[in-house]
PDB file of all heavy atoms in Angstrom:
ATOM      1  N   LEU A   1      63.573 -73.764   2.835  1.00  0.00           N
ATOM      2  CA  LEU A   1      63.509 -72.315   2.654  1.00  0.00           C
ATOM      3  C   LEU A   1      62.245 -71.746   3.297  1.00  0.00           C
ATOM      4  O   LEU A   1      62.285 -70.704   3.957  1.00  0.00           O
ATOM      5  CB  LEU A   1      63.558 -71.974   1.168  1.00  0.00           C
ATOM      6  CG  LEU A   1      63.566 -70.482   0.794  1.00  0.00           C
ATOM      7  CD1 LEU A   1      64.750 -69.768   1.436  1.00  0.00           C
ATOM      8  CD2 LEU A   1      63.603 -70.324  -0.728  1.00  0.00           C
ATOM      9  N   PHE A   2      61.113 -72.437   3.092  1.00  0.00           N
ATOM     10  CA  PHE A   2      59.862 -72.003   3.709  1.00  0.00           C
ATOM     11  C   PHE A   2      59.976 -72.023   5.229  1.00  0.00           C
ATOM     12  O   PHE A   2      59.565 -71.073   5.907  1.00  0.00           O
ATOM     13  CB  PHE A   2      58.708 -72.916   3.271  1.00  0.00           C
ATOM     14  CG  PHE A   2      57.872 -72.343   2.181  1.00  0.00           C
ATOM     15  CD1 PHE A   2      57.862 -72.933   0.930  1.00  0.00           C
ATOM     16  CD2 PHE A   2      57.084 -71.218   2.378  1.00  0.00           C
ATOM     17  CE1 PHE A   2      57.093 -72.413  -0.097  1.00  0.00           C
ATOM     18  CE2 PHE A   2      56.314 -70.693   1.374  1.00  0.00           C
ATOM     19  CZ  PHE A   2      56.314 -71.293   0.126  1.00  0.00           C
ATOM     20  N   ARG A   3      60.508 -73.114   5.742  1.00  0.00           N
ATOM     21  CA  ARG A   3      60.627 -73.254   7.191  1.00  0.00           C
ATOM     22  C   ARG A   3      61.513 -72.162   7.781  1.00  0.00           C
ATOM     23  O   ARG A   3      61.152 -71.521   8.779  1.00  0.00           O
ATOM     24  CB  ARG A   3      61.185 -74.640   7.524  1.00  0.00           C
ATOM     25  CG  ARG A   3      61.286 -74.920   9.018  1.00  0.00           C
ATOM     26  CD  ARG A   3      61.599 -76.393   9.282  1.00  0.00           C
ATOM     27  NE  ARG A   3      62.885 -76.792   8.716  1.00  0.00           N
ATOM     28  CZ  ARG A   3      63.026 -77.538   7.627  1.00  0.00           C
ATOM     29  NH1 ARG A   3      61.950 -77.976   6.971  1.00  0.00           N
ATOM     30  NH2 ARG A   3      64.230 -77.872   7.191  1.00  0.00           N
ATOM     31  N   ASN A   4      62.667 -71.937   7.174  1.00  0.00           N
ATOM     32  CA  ASN A   4      63.574 -70.900   7.668  1.00  0.00           C
ATOM     33  C   ASN A   4      62.977 -69.505   7.547  1.00  0.00           C
ATOM     34  O   ASN A   4      63.106 -68.673   8.453  1.00  0.00           O
ATOM     35  CB  ASN A   4      64.895 -70.961   6.896  1.00  0.00           C
ATOM     36  CG  ASN A   4      65.727 -72.180   7.233  1.00  0.00           C
ATOM     37  OD1 ASN A   4      65.511 -72.817   8.262  1.00  0.00           O
ATOM     38  ND2 ASN A   4      66.667 -72.521   6.366  1.00  0.00           N
ATOM     39  N   THR A   5      62.308 -69.246   6.413  1.00  0.00           N
ATOM     40  CA  THR A   5      61.721 -67.922   6.178  1.00  0.00           C
ATOM     41  C   THR A   5      60.634 -67.611   7.188  1.00  0.00           C
ATOM     42  O   THR A   5      60.644 -66.545   7.824  1.00  0.00           O
ATOM     43  CB  THR A   5      61.147 -67.831   4.746  1.00  0.00           C
ATOM     44  OG1 THR A   5      62.197 -67.995   3.797  1.00  0.00           O
ATOM     45  CG2 THR A   5      60.472 -66.488   4.526  1.00  0.00           C
ATOM     46  N   TYR A   6      59.693 -68.528   7.362  1.00  0.00           N
ATOM     47  CA  TYR A   6      58.561 -68.237   8.238  1.00  0.00           C
ATOM     48  C   TYR A   6      58.940 -68.305   9.712  1.00  0.00           C
ATOM     49  O   TYR A   6      58.317 -67.639  10.546  1.00  0.00           O
ATOM     50  CB  TYR A   6      57.389 -69.174   7.911  1.00  0.00           C
ATOM     51  CG  TYR A   6      56.647 -68.718   6.683  1.00  0.00           C
ATOM     52  CD1 TYR A   6      57.030 -69.136   5.413  1.00  0.00           C
ATOM     53  CD2 TYR A   6      55.583 -67.831   6.785  1.00  0.00           C
ATOM     54  CE1 TYR A   6      56.373 -68.700   4.274  1.00  0.00           C
ATOM     55  CE2 TYR A   6      54.912 -67.384   5.657  1.00  0.00           C
ATOM     56  CZ  TYR A   6      55.317 -67.816   4.409  1.00  0.00           C
ATOM     57  OH  TYR A   6      54.661 -67.363   3.288  1.00  0.00           O
ATOM     58  N   THR A   7      59.961 -69.084  10.046  1.00  0.00           N
ATOM     59  CA  THR A   7      60.460 -69.077  11.428  1.00  0.00           C
ATOM     60  C   THR A   7      61.099 -67.727  11.740  1.00  0.00           C
ATOM     61  O   THR A   7      60.820 -67.115  12.781  1.00  0.00           O
ATOM     62  CB  THR A   7      61.497 -70.198  11.647  1.00  0.00           C
ATOM     63  OG1 THR A   7      60.874 -71.467  11.433  1.00  0.00           O
ATOM     64  CG2 THR A   7      62.051 -70.139  13.067  1.00  0.00           C
ATOM     65  N   LEU A   8      61.956 -67.266  10.829  1.00  0.00           N
ATOM     66  CA  LEU A   8      62.603 -65.957  11.030  1.00  0.00           C
ATOM     67  C   LEU A   8      61.579 -64.832  10.982  1.00  0.00           C
ATOM     68  O   LEU A   8      61.676 -63.864  11.760  1.00  0.00           O
ATOM     69  CB  LEU A   8      63.682 -65.743   9.963  1.00  0.00           C
ATOM     70  CG  LEU A   8      64.498 -64.444  10.085  1.00  0.00           C
ATOM     71  CD1 LEU A   8      65.201 -64.362  11.435  1.00  0.00           C
ATOM     72  CD2 LEU A   8      65.518 -64.349   8.946  1.00  0.00           C
ATOM     73  N   LEU A   9      60.587 -64.948  10.108  1.00  0.00           N
ATOM     74  CA  LEU A   9      59.548 -63.920  10.022  1.00  0.00           C
ATOM     75  C   LEU A   9      58.777 -63.825  11.337  1.00  0.00           C
ATOM     76  O   LEU A   9      58.518 -62.715  11.825  1.00  0.00           O
ATOM     77  CB  LEU A   9      58.596 -64.241   8.869  1.00  0.00           C
ATOM     78  CG  LEU A   9      57.454 -63.239   8.631  1.00  0.00           C
ATOM     79  CD1 LEU A   9      58.014 -61.860   8.265  1.00  0.00           C
ATOM     80  CD2 LEU A   9      56.525 -63.741   7.514  1.00  0.00           C
ATOM     81  N   ALA A  10      58.416 -64.964  11.905  1.00  0.00           N
ATOM     82  CA  ALA A  10      57.687 -64.969  13.179  1.00  0.00           C
ATOM     83  C   ALA A  10      58.542 -64.351  14.290  1.00  0.00           C
ATOM     84  O   ALA A  10      58.044 -63.573  15.118  1.00  0.00           O
ATOM     85  CB  ALA A  10      57.291 -66.402  13.554  1.00  0.00           C
ATOM     86  N   MET A  11      59.826 -64.679  14.309  1.00  0.00           N
ATOM     87  CA  MET A  11      60.723 -64.143  15.338  1.00  0.00           C
ATOM     88  C   MET A  11      60.910 -62.633  15.193  1.00  0.00           C
ATOM     89  O   MET A  11      60.886 -61.900  16.191  1.00  0.00           O
ATOM     90  CB  MET A  11      62.077 -64.851  15.247  1.00  0.00           C
ATOM     91  CG  MET A  11      62.044 -66.319  15.630  1.00  0.00           C
ATOM     92  SD  MET A  11      63.617 -67.179  15.306  1.00  0.00           S
ATOM     93  CE  MET A  11      64.692 -66.345  16.474  1.00  0.00           C
ATOM     94  N   THR A  12      61.072 -62.167  13.954  1.00  0.00           N
ATOM     95  CA  THR A  12      61.259 -60.729  13.744  1.00  0.00           C
ATOM     96  C   THR A  12      59.964 -59.956  14.016  1.00  0.00           C
ATOM     97  O   THR A  12      60.023 -58.823  14.513  1.00  0.00           O
ATOM     98  CB  THR A  12      61.747 -60.438  12.317  1.00  0.00           C
ATOM     99  OG1 THR A  12      60.871 -61.065  11.361  1.00  0.00           O
ATOM    100  CG2 THR A  12      63.154 -60.948  12.116  1.00  0.00           C
ATOM    101  N   MET A  13      58.822 -60.554  13.707  1.00  0.00           N
ATOM    102  CA  MET A  13      57.548 -59.900  14.012  1.00  0.00           C
ATOM    103  C   MET A  13      57.381 -59.743  15.519  1.00  0.00           C
ATOM    104  O   MET A  13      56.952 -58.693  16.001  1.00  0.00           O
ATOM    105  CB  MET A  13      56.389 -60.728  13.438  1.00  0.00           C
ATOM    106  CG  MET A  13      56.311 -60.755  11.924  1.00  0.00           C
ATOM    107  SD  MET A  13      55.809 -59.178  11.200  1.00  0.00           S
ATOM    108  CE  MET A  13      54.093 -59.133  11.700  1.00  0.00           C
ATOM    109  N   ALA A  14      57.723 -60.795  16.269  1.00  0.00           N
ATOM    110  CA  ALA A  14      57.621 -60.739  17.728  1.00  0.00           C
ATOM    111  C   ALA A  14      58.589 -59.697  18.291  1.00  0.00           C
ATOM    112  O   ALA A  14      58.227 -58.921  19.188  1.00  0.00           O
ATOM    113  CB  ALA A  14      57.910 -62.115  18.324  1.00  0.00           C
ATOM    114  N   PHE A  15      59.813 -59.674  17.765  1.00  0.00           N
ATOM    115  CA  PHE A  15      60.813 -58.711  18.237  1.00  0.00           C
ATOM    116  C   PHE A  15      60.386 -57.286  17.918  1.00  0.00           C
ATOM    117  O   PHE A  15      60.500 -56.382  18.758  1.00  0.00           O
ATOM    118  CB  PHE A  15      62.170 -59.017  17.589  1.00  0.00           C
ATOM    119  CG  PHE A  15      63.254 -58.054  17.985  1.00  0.00           C
ATOM    120  CD1 PHE A  15      63.732 -58.023  19.286  1.00  0.00           C
ATOM    121  CD2 PHE A  15      63.793 -57.180  17.056  1.00  0.00           C
ATOM    122  CE1 PHE A  15      64.736 -57.135  19.661  1.00  0.00           C
ATOM    123  CE2 PHE A  15      64.797 -56.288  17.414  1.00  0.00           C
ATOM    124  CZ  PHE A  15      65.265 -56.261  18.723  1.00  0.00           C
ATOM    125  N   SER A  16      59.883 -57.070  16.702  1.00  0.00           N
ATOM    126  CA  SER A  16      59.426 -55.743  16.297  1.00  0.00           C
ATOM    127  C   SER A  16      58.250 -55.281  17.151  1.00  0.00           C
ATOM    128  O   SER A  16      58.170 -54.106  17.534  1.00  0.00           O
ATOM    129  CB  SER A  16      59.022 -55.765  14.819  1.00  0.00           C
ATOM    130  OG  SER A  16      58.645 -54.474  14.378  1.00  0.00           O
ATOM    131  N   ALA A  17      57.336 -56.203  17.462  1.00  0.00           N
ATOM    132  CA  ALA A  17      56.195 -55.872  18.315  1.00  0.00           C
ATOM    133  C   ALA A  17      56.658 -55.490  19.713  1.00  0.00           C
ATOM    134  O   ALA A  17      56.116 -54.564  20.333  1.00  0.00           O
ATOM    135  CB  ALA A  17      55.232 -57.061  18.382  1.00  0.00           C
ATOM    136  N   LEU A  18      57.671 -56.193  20.225  1.00  0.00           N
ATOM    137  CA  LEU A  18      58.219 -55.878  21.550  1.00  0.00           C
ATOM    138  C   LEU A  18      58.846 -54.491  21.566  1.00  0.00           C
ATOM    139  O   LEU A  18      58.623 -53.701  22.499  1.00  0.00           O
ATOM    140  CB  LEU A  18      59.266 -56.927  21.938  1.00  0.00           C
ATOM    141  CG  LEU A  18      60.000 -56.696  23.268  1.00  0.00           C
ATOM    142  CD1 LEU A  18      59.013 -56.701  24.432  1.00  0.00           C
ATOM    143  CD2 LEU A  18      61.082 -57.752  23.481  1.00  0.00           C
ATOM    144  N   VAL A  19      59.627 -54.178  20.511  1.00  0.00           N
ATOM    145  CA  VAL A  19      60.247 -52.854  20.427  1.00  0.00           C
ATOM    146  C   VAL A  19      59.176 -51.771  20.306  1.00  0.00           C
ATOM    147  O   VAL A  19      59.285 -50.696  20.916  1.00  0.00           O
ATOM    148  CB  VAL A  19      61.213 -52.782  19.229  1.00  0.00           C
ATOM    149  CG1 VAL A  19      61.760 -51.363  19.058  1.00  0.00           C
ATOM    150  CG2 VAL A  19      62.360 -53.764  19.418  1.00  0.00           C
ATOM    151  N   ALA A  20      58.124 -52.046  19.530  1.00  0.00           N
ATOM    152  CA  ALA A  20      57.026 -51.086  19.377  1.00  0.00           C
ATOM    153  C   ALA A  20      56.343 -50.843  20.718  1.00  0.00           C
ATOM    154  O   ALA A  20      55.995 -49.698  21.054  1.00  0.00           O
ATOM    155  CB  ALA A  20      56.018 -51.602  18.357  1.00  0.00           C
ATOM    156  N   PHE A  21      56.162 -51.913  21.507  1.00  0.00           N
ATOM    157  CA  PHE A  21      55.539 -51.794  22.829  1.00  0.00           C
ATOM    158  C   PHE A  21      56.396 -50.923  23.753  1.00  0.00           C
ATOM    159  O   PHE A  21      55.885 -50.061  24.471  1.00  0.00           O
ATOM    160  CB  PHE A  21      55.338 -53.180  23.443  1.00  0.00           C
ATOM    161  CG  PHE A  21      54.809 -53.152  24.843  1.00  0.00           C
ATOM    162  CD1 PHE A  21      53.473 -52.872  25.088  1.00  0.00           C
ATOM    163  CD2 PHE A  21      55.657 -53.388  25.925  1.00  0.00           C
ATOM    164  CE1 PHE A  21      52.979 -52.826  26.395  1.00  0.00           C
ATOM    165  CE2 PHE A  21      55.169 -53.346  27.222  1.00  0.00           C
ATOM    166  CZ  PHE A  21      53.832 -53.068  27.456  1.00  0.00           C
ATOM    167  N   VAL A  22      57.706 -51.151  23.726  1.00  0.00           N
ATOM    168  CA  VAL A  22      58.626 -50.344  24.538  1.00  0.00           C
ATOM    169  C   VAL A  22      58.581 -48.887  24.089  1.00  0.00           C
ATOM    170  O   VAL A  22      58.558 -47.959  24.914  1.00  0.00           O
ATOM    171  CB  VAL A  22      60.063 -50.892  24.446  1.00  0.00           C
ATOM    172  CG1 VAL A  22      61.049 -49.945  25.133  1.00  0.00           C
ATOM    173  CG2 VAL A  22      60.150 -52.284  25.047  1.00  0.00           C
ATOM    174  N   SER A  23      58.577 -48.683  22.766  1.00  0.00           N
ATOM    175  CA  SER A  23      58.517 -47.333  22.211  1.00  0.00           C
ATOM    176  C   SER A  23      57.241 -46.617  22.642  1.00  0.00           C
ATOM    177  O   SER A  23      57.260 -45.426  22.984  1.00  0.00           O
ATOM    178  CB  SER A  23      58.595 -47.401  20.682  1.00  0.00           C
ATOM    179  OG  SER A  23      58.500 -46.120  20.101  1.00  0.00           O
ATOM    180  N   MET A  24      56.135 -47.355  22.649  1.00  0.00           N
ATOM    181  CA  MET A  24      54.852 -46.783  23.082  1.00  0.00           C
ATOM    182  C   MET A  24      54.871 -46.480  24.573  1.00  0.00           C
ATOM    183  O   MET A  24      54.426 -45.415  25.008  1.00  0.00           O
ATOM    184  CB  MET A  24      53.724 -47.755  22.755  1.00  0.00           C
ATOM    185  CG  MET A  24      53.465 -47.954  21.273  1.00  0.00           C
ATOM    186  SD  MET A  24      52.293 -49.314  20.964  1.00  0.00           S
ATOM    187  CE  MET A  24      50.814 -48.669  21.767  1.00  0.00           C
ATOM    188  N   SER A  25      55.390 -47.420  25.363  1.00  0.00           N
ATOM    189  CA  SER A  25      55.405 -47.267  26.820  1.00  0.00           C
ATOM    190  C   SER A  25      56.259 -46.081  27.250  1.00  0.00           C
ATOM    191  O   SER A  25      55.925 -45.370  28.195  1.00  0.00           O
ATOM    192  CB  SER A  25      55.934 -48.548  27.478  1.00  0.00           C
ATOM    193  OG  SER A  25      55.118 -49.653  27.157  1.00  0.00           O
ATOM    194  N   MET A  26      57.365 -45.864  26.536  1.00  0.00           N
ATOM    195  CA  MET A  26      58.259 -44.752  26.857  1.00  0.00           C
ATOM    196  C   MET A  26      57.822 -43.464  26.174  1.00  0.00           C
ATOM    197  O   MET A  26      58.443 -42.412  26.368  1.00  0.00           O
ATOM    198  CB  MET A  26      59.688 -45.103  26.441  1.00  0.00           C
ATOM    199  CG  MET A  26      60.268 -46.301  27.180  1.00  0.00           C
ATOM    200  SD  MET A  26      61.955 -46.703  26.635  1.00  0.00           S
ATOM    201  CE  MET A  26      62.837 -45.240  27.184  1.00  0.00           C
ATOM    202  N   ASN A  27      56.749 -43.562  25.383  1.00  0.00           N
ATOM    203  CA  ASN A  27      56.212 -42.406  24.664  1.00  0.00           C
ATOM    204  C   ASN A  27      57.299 -41.700  23.837  1.00  0.00           C
ATOM    205  O   ASN A  27      57.421 -40.463  23.848  1.00  0.00           O
ATOM    206  CB  ASN A  27      55.582 -41.410  25.649  1.00  0.00           C
ATOM    207  CG  ASN A  27      54.588 -40.481  24.973  1.00  0.00           C
ATOM    208  OD1 ASN A  27      53.967 -40.832  23.963  1.00  0.00           O
ATOM    209  ND2 ASN A  27      54.426 -39.287  25.514  1.00  0.00           N
ATOM    210  N   LEU A  28      58.086 -42.497  23.135  1.00  0.00           N
ATOM    211  CA  LEU A  28      59.179 -41.953  22.330  1.00  0.00           C
ATOM    212  C   LEU A  28      58.632 -41.182  21.135  1.00  0.00           C
ATOM    213  O   LEU A  28      57.603 -41.555  20.567  1.00  0.00           O
ATOM    214  CB  LEU A  28      60.095 -43.086  21.840  1.00  0.00           C
ATOM    215  CG  LEU A  28      60.827 -43.877  22.922  1.00  0.00           C
ATOM    216  CD1 LEU A  28      61.643 -45.007  22.297  1.00  0.00           C
ATOM    217  CD2 LEU A  28      61.730 -42.957  23.730  1.00  0.00           C
ATOM    218  N   PRO A  29      59.290 -40.115  20.737  1.00  0.00           N
ATOM    219  CA  PRO A  29      58.807 -39.319  19.597  1.00  0.00           C
ATOM    220  C   PRO A  29      59.124 -40.012  18.276  1.00  0.00           C
ATOM    221  O   PRO A  29      60.044 -40.831  18.179  1.00  0.00           O
ATOM    222  CB  PRO A  29      59.608 -38.015  19.733  1.00  0.00           C
ATOM    223  CG  PRO A  29      60.888 -38.446  20.374  1.00  0.00           C
ATOM    224  CD  PRO A  29      60.511 -39.540  21.332  1.00  0.00           C
ATOM    225  N   TYR A  30      58.358 -39.664  17.252  1.00  0.00           N
ATOM    226  CA  TYR A  30      58.631 -40.196  15.916  1.00  0.00           C
ATOM    227  C   TYR A  30      59.967 -39.626  15.442  1.00  0.00           C
ATOM    228  O   TYR A  30      60.226 -38.426  15.596  1.00  0.00           O
ATOM    229  CB  TYR A  30      57.516 -39.801  14.951  1.00  0.00           C
ATOM    230  CG  TYR A  30      57.639 -40.461  13.598  1.00  0.00           C
ATOM    231  CD1 TYR A  30      57.346 -41.814  13.458  1.00  0.00           C
ATOM    232  CD2 TYR A  30      58.069 -39.748  12.488  1.00  0.00           C
ATOM    233  CE1 TYR A  30      57.450 -42.439  12.224  1.00  0.00           C
ATOM    234  CE2 TYR A  30      58.188 -40.362  11.245  1.00  0.00           C
ATOM    235  CZ  TYR A  30      57.874 -41.716  11.121  1.00  0.00           C
ATOM    236  OH  TYR A  30      58.006 -42.328   9.910  1.00  0.00           O
ATOM    237  N   PRO A  31      60.846 -40.452  14.878  1.00  0.00           N
ATOM    238  CA  PRO A  31      62.191 -39.979  14.532  1.00  0.00           C
ATOM    239  C   PRO A  31      62.250 -38.970  13.395  1.00  0.00           C
ATOM    240  O   PRO A  31      63.280 -38.328  13.188  1.00  0.00           O
ATOM    241  CB  PRO A  31      62.914 -41.278  14.136  1.00  0.00           C
ATOM    242  CG  PRO A  31      61.823 -42.198  13.704  1.00  0.00           C
ATOM    243  CD  PRO A  31      60.663 -41.876  14.597  1.00  0.00           C
ATOM    244  N   GLY A  32      61.166 -38.801  12.661  1.00  0.00           N
ATOM    245  CA  GLY A  32      61.182 -37.867  11.534  1.00  0.00           C
ATOM    246  C   GLY A  32      61.474 -38.578  10.230  1.00  0.00           C
ATOM    247  O   GLY A  32      62.075 -39.655  10.208  1.00  0.00           O
ATOM    248  N   ILE A  33      61.082 -37.954   9.134  1.00  0.00           N
ATOM    249  CA  ILE A  33      61.168 -38.598   7.829  1.00  0.00           C
ATOM    250  C   ILE A  33      62.610 -38.856   7.410  1.00  0.00           C
ATOM    251  O   ILE A  33      62.922 -39.905   6.830  1.00  0.00           O
ATOM    252  CB  ILE A  33      60.424 -37.752   6.758  1.00  0.00           C
ATOM    253  CG1 ILE A  33      60.366 -38.512   5.429  1.00  0.00           C
ATOM    254  CG2 ILE A  33      61.084 -36.403   6.587  1.00  0.00           C
ATOM    255  CD1 ILE A  33      59.557 -39.778   5.465  1.00  0.00           C
ATOM    256  N   ILE A  34      63.525 -37.925   7.698  1.00  0.00           N
ATOM    257  CA  ILE A  34      64.922 -38.088   7.270  1.00  0.00           C
ATOM    258  C   ILE A  34      65.573 -39.255   8.005  1.00  0.00           C
ATOM    259  O   ILE A  34      66.187 -40.139   7.374  1.00  0.00           O
ATOM    260  CB  ILE A  34      65.732 -36.797   7.511  1.00  0.00           C
ATOM    261  CG1 ILE A  34      65.117 -35.618   6.741  1.00  0.00           C
ATOM    262  CG2 ILE A  34      67.185 -37.015   7.099  1.00  0.00           C
ATOM    263  CD1 ILE A  34      65.100 -35.816   5.243  1.00  0.00           C
ATOM    264  N   VAL A  35      65.451 -39.280   9.329  1.00  0.00           N
ATOM    265  CA  VAL A  35      66.035 -40.368  10.124  1.00  0.00           C
ATOM    266  C   VAL A  35      65.405 -41.702   9.747  1.00  0.00           C
ATOM    267  O   VAL A  35      66.099 -42.732   9.653  1.00  0.00           O
ATOM    268  CB  VAL A  35      65.847 -40.097  11.634  1.00  0.00           C
ATOM    269  CG1 VAL A  35      66.329 -41.297  12.458  1.00  0.00           C
ATOM    270  CG2 VAL A  35      66.606 -38.844  12.047  1.00  0.00           C
ATOM    271  N   THR A  36      64.105 -41.695   9.518  1.00  0.00           N
ATOM    272  CA  THR A  36      63.400 -42.925   9.146  1.00  0.00           C
ATOM    273  C   THR A  36      63.916 -43.480   7.823  1.00  0.00           C
ATOM    274  O   THR A  36      64.187 -44.684   7.694  1.00  0.00           O
ATOM    275  CB  THR A  36      61.886 -42.673   9.043  1.00  0.00           C
ATOM    276  OG1 THR A  36      61.392 -42.245  10.318  1.00  0.00           O
ATOM    277  CG2 THR A  36      61.148 -43.944   8.641  1.00  0.00           C
ATOM    278  N   LEU A  37      64.059 -42.614   6.829  1.00  0.00           N
ATOM    279  CA  LEU A  37      64.535 -43.054   5.513  1.00  0.00           C
ATOM    280  C   LEU A  37      65.984 -43.532   5.574  1.00  0.00           C
ATOM    281  O   LEU A  37      66.332 -44.563   4.980  1.00  0.00           O
ATOM    282  CB  LEU A  37      64.392 -41.922   4.488  1.00  0.00           C
ATOM    283  CG  LEU A  37      62.974 -41.573   4.062  1.00  0.00           C
ATOM    284  CD1 LEU A  37      62.975 -40.370   3.116  1.00  0.00           C
ATOM    285  CD2 LEU A  37      62.291 -42.768   3.386  1.00  0.00           C
ATOM    286  N   VAL A  38      66.825 -42.783   6.298  1.00  0.00           N
ATOM    287  CA  VAL A  38      68.235 -43.172   6.427  1.00  0.00           C
ATOM    288  C   VAL A  38      68.347 -44.510   7.160  1.00  0.00           C
ATOM    289  O   VAL A  38      69.100 -45.409   6.748  1.00  0.00           O
ATOM    290  CB  VAL A  38      69.047 -42.089   7.165  1.00  0.00           C
ATOM    291  CG1 VAL A  38      70.452 -42.598   7.493  1.00  0.00           C
ATOM    292  CG2 VAL A  38      69.139 -40.827   6.320  1.00  0.00           C
ATOM    293  N   GLY A  39      67.591 -44.649   8.253  1.00  0.00           N
ATOM    294  CA  GLY A  39      67.615 -45.898   9.013  1.00  0.00           C
ATOM    295  C   GLY A  39      67.079 -47.065   8.209  1.00  0.00           C
ATOM    296  O   GLY A  39      67.668 -48.155   8.204  1.00  0.00           O
TER     297      GLY A  39
END
């Protein structure tokens, strides 16, 4: 369970960081509180 959890956590952190980098590079606007909560 530890191995699976921390492996998936590392992968999702890397993926999230990549998406954040793309979002920053494209200067995308913040989606707003409603869209954020729904998403």
